[in-house]
Protein backbone atom coordinates (compact mmCIF):
# COMPACT_ATOMS: atom_id res chain seq x y z
CA MET A 1 18.18 27.33 6.93
CA ILE A 2 17.09 23.78 7.77
CA SER A 3 19.05 20.53 7.87
CA ASN A 4 19.37 18.23 4.88
CA GLU A 5 17.56 15.57 6.91
CA LEU A 6 14.53 17.78 7.48
CA LEU A 7 14.55 18.88 3.84
CA PHE A 8 14.59 15.19 2.85
CA LEU A 9 11.49 14.52 4.96
CA ILE A 10 9.71 17.57 3.53
CA ASN A 11 10.41 16.28 0.02
CA ILE A 12 9.17 12.78 0.92
CA ASN A 13 5.96 14.35 2.20
CA LYS A 14 5.53 16.28 -1.07
CA LEU A 15 6.18 13.14 -3.12
CA GLN A 16 3.55 11.26 -1.10
CA SER A 17 1.04 13.99 -1.97
CA ILE A 18 1.93 13.73 -5.66
CA ILE A 19 1.54 9.94 -5.58
CA SER A 20 -1.87 10.10 -3.90
CA ARG A 21 -3.11 12.83 -6.22
CA LYS A 22 -1.98 11.00 -9.39
CA PHE A 23 -3.51 7.70 -8.29
CA ASP A 24 -6.74 9.34 -7.16
CA THR A 25 -7.04 11.50 -10.28
CA LEU A 26 -6.40 8.65 -12.69
CA SER A 27 -8.55 6.25 -10.64
CA VAL A 28 -6.63 3.01 -10.78
CA HIS A 29 -9.67 0.79 -11.28
CA GLY A 30 -11.48 2.63 -8.52
CA LEU A 31 -8.59 2.19 -6.07
CA GLY A 32 -6.74 4.89 -4.21
CA PHE A 33 -3.02 4.42 -3.59
CA ASN A 34 -3.55 3.04 -0.07
CA ASP A 35 -6.18 0.61 -1.40
CA PHE A 36 -3.70 -0.57 -4.03
CA VAL A 37 -0.98 -1.05 -1.39
CA ILE A 38 -3.33 -3.09 0.81
CA LEU A 39 -4.26 -5.38 -2.09
CA TYR A 40 -0.58 -5.73 -3.01
CA ILE A 41 0.41 -6.72 0.52
CA LEU A 42 -2.46 -9.19 0.83
CA SER A 43 -1.76 -10.70 -2.59
CA THR A 44 1.83 -11.42 -1.54
CA ALA A 45 0.94 -12.71 1.94
CA SER A 46 0.88 -16.37 2.86
CA GLU A 47 -2.54 -17.79 1.96
CA ASP A 48 -3.57 -14.29 0.73
CA LYS A 49 -4.42 -13.21 4.27
CA MET A 50 -2.97 -11.35 7.24
CA ARG A 51 -3.99 -10.46 10.74
CA ARG A 52 -5.39 -6.92 10.77
CA ILE A 53 -2.76 -5.80 13.25
CA ASP A 54 0.05 -7.16 11.03
CA LEU A 55 -1.41 -5.42 7.99
CA ALA A 56 -1.62 -2.17 9.95
CA GLU A 57 2.02 -2.53 10.96
CA LYS A 58 3.09 -3.33 7.40
CA ILE A 59 1.56 -0.14 6.01
CA GLY A 60 2.37 2.04 9.00
CA LEU A 61 -1.12 2.65 10.36
CA THR A 62 -2.93 2.01 13.60
CA ALA A 63 -5.37 -0.90 13.82
CA SER A 64 -8.30 1.52 13.67
CA GLY A 65 -6.71 3.34 10.72
CA VAL A 66 -6.41 0.17 8.71
CA THR A 67 -9.98 -0.79 9.62
CA ARG A 68 -11.20 2.54 8.18
CA LEU A 69 -9.36 1.74 4.93
CA LEU A 70 -10.63 -1.84 4.82
CA ASN A 71 -14.34 -1.08 5.32
CA PRO A 72 -14.96 0.28 1.80
CA LEU A 73 -12.85 -2.52 0.26
CA GLU A 74 -14.93 -5.04 2.17
CA LYS A 75 -18.21 -3.44 1.05
CA ILE A 76 -17.26 -3.77 -2.62
CA GLY A 77 -16.00 -7.34 -2.18
CA LEU A 78 -12.25 -6.89 -2.67
CA VAL A 79 -11.37 -8.14 0.82
CA SER A 80 -13.21 -10.15 3.42
CA ARG A 81 -12.89 -10.93 7.11
CA GLU A 82 -11.99 -14.30 8.46
CA THR A 83 -11.99 -15.23 12.12
CA ASN A 84 -9.45 -17.47 13.77
CA GLU A 85 -11.02 -20.75 14.86
CA ARG A 86 -8.74 -20.97 17.90
CA ASP A 87 -8.90 -17.34 19.05
CA ALA A 88 -12.03 -15.25 18.42
CA ARG A 89 -10.09 -12.06 19.24
CA VAL A 90 -7.94 -12.53 16.14
CA SER A 91 -9.33 -11.61 12.76
CA TYR A 92 -7.76 -11.90 9.35
CA VAL A 93 -8.11 -9.80 6.24
CA VAL A 94 -8.32 -11.92 3.11
CA ILE A 95 -8.06 -10.74 -0.48
CA THR A 96 -11.02 -12.16 -2.40
CA PRO A 97 -10.79 -13.63 -5.92
CA ASN A 98 -12.41 -10.43 -7.21
CA GLY A 99 -9.85 -8.41 -5.22
CA LYS A 100 -7.03 -10.36 -6.86
CA LYS A 101 -8.54 -9.76 -10.29
CA ILE A 102 -8.92 -6.01 -9.72
CA PHE A 103 -5.40 -5.83 -8.27
CA GLU A 104 -3.91 -7.58 -11.31
CA GLU A 105 -5.78 -5.23 -13.67
CA ALA A 106 -4.79 -2.17 -11.62
CA LYS A 107 -1.13 -3.17 -11.52
CA THR A 108 -0.56 -2.22 -15.17
CA THR A 109 -2.16 1.19 -14.69
CA ALA A 110 -0.19 1.68 -11.46
CA GLU A 111 3.08 0.85 -13.25
CA ASN A 112 2.28 3.45 -15.91
CA ILE A 113 1.54 6.09 -13.27
CA THR A 114 4.81 5.18 -11.56
CA LYS A 115 6.76 5.72 -14.79
CA ASP A 116 5.15 9.15 -15.06
CA ILE A 117 6.22 10.06 -11.51
CA LEU A 118 9.64 8.35 -11.43
CA PRO A 119 11.61 8.44 -14.70
CA SER A 120 13.42 5.18 -15.52
CA LYS A 121 16.71 6.96 -16.25
CA LYS A 122 17.00 7.48 -12.47
CA ILE A 123 16.74 3.74 -11.70
CA LYS A 124 20.13 3.54 -9.91
CA SER A 125 19.18 6.47 -7.67
CA LEU A 126 15.78 4.92 -7.00
CA ARG A 127 17.38 1.69 -5.79
CA ILE A 128 19.64 3.61 -3.38
CA ILE A 129 16.74 5.71 -2.07
CA SER A 130 14.53 2.63 -1.75
CA ASP A 131 17.23 0.89 0.32
CA LEU A 132 17.54 4.00 2.50
CA LEU A 133 13.78 4.19 3.07
CA PHE A 134 13.77 0.50 3.99
CA ASP A 135 16.61 1.10 6.46
CA LEU A 136 14.70 4.04 7.98
CA GLY A 137 11.66 1.93 8.76
CA GLY A 138 10.02 0.97 5.51
CA ASN A 139 9.26 -2.73 5.50
CA ILE A 140 8.47 -3.64 1.92
CA LYS A 141 11.35 -4.52 -0.33
């Protein structure tokens, strides 16, 4: 037998797999789930940009991990790089106008996928779980 805490983490891991598979299978405007999350975070950031290291922290990846995710988005013009005029070591990730457009279009599809994964009759439970995940280290509320 395992603890309820470990069982909870196992179930979160399974849910993450389901989310990725559903988003990837239904191709949310050519975006994977992580791509969608990056565009969401950038679209809500001040001036539509963030330092790469802050973006990495926000989504729970290393700086090199977020760079690997950003490269394809940059190639297709959804994000761009911007250097800091005062400090050349600092670079920003900026959502482009096309990135904003694709994100807005993908949001509707993403909401529909979400309704398929998480039934609305469980909304009270979802709010409690979301608060718990935030308390455990999630940083998007």
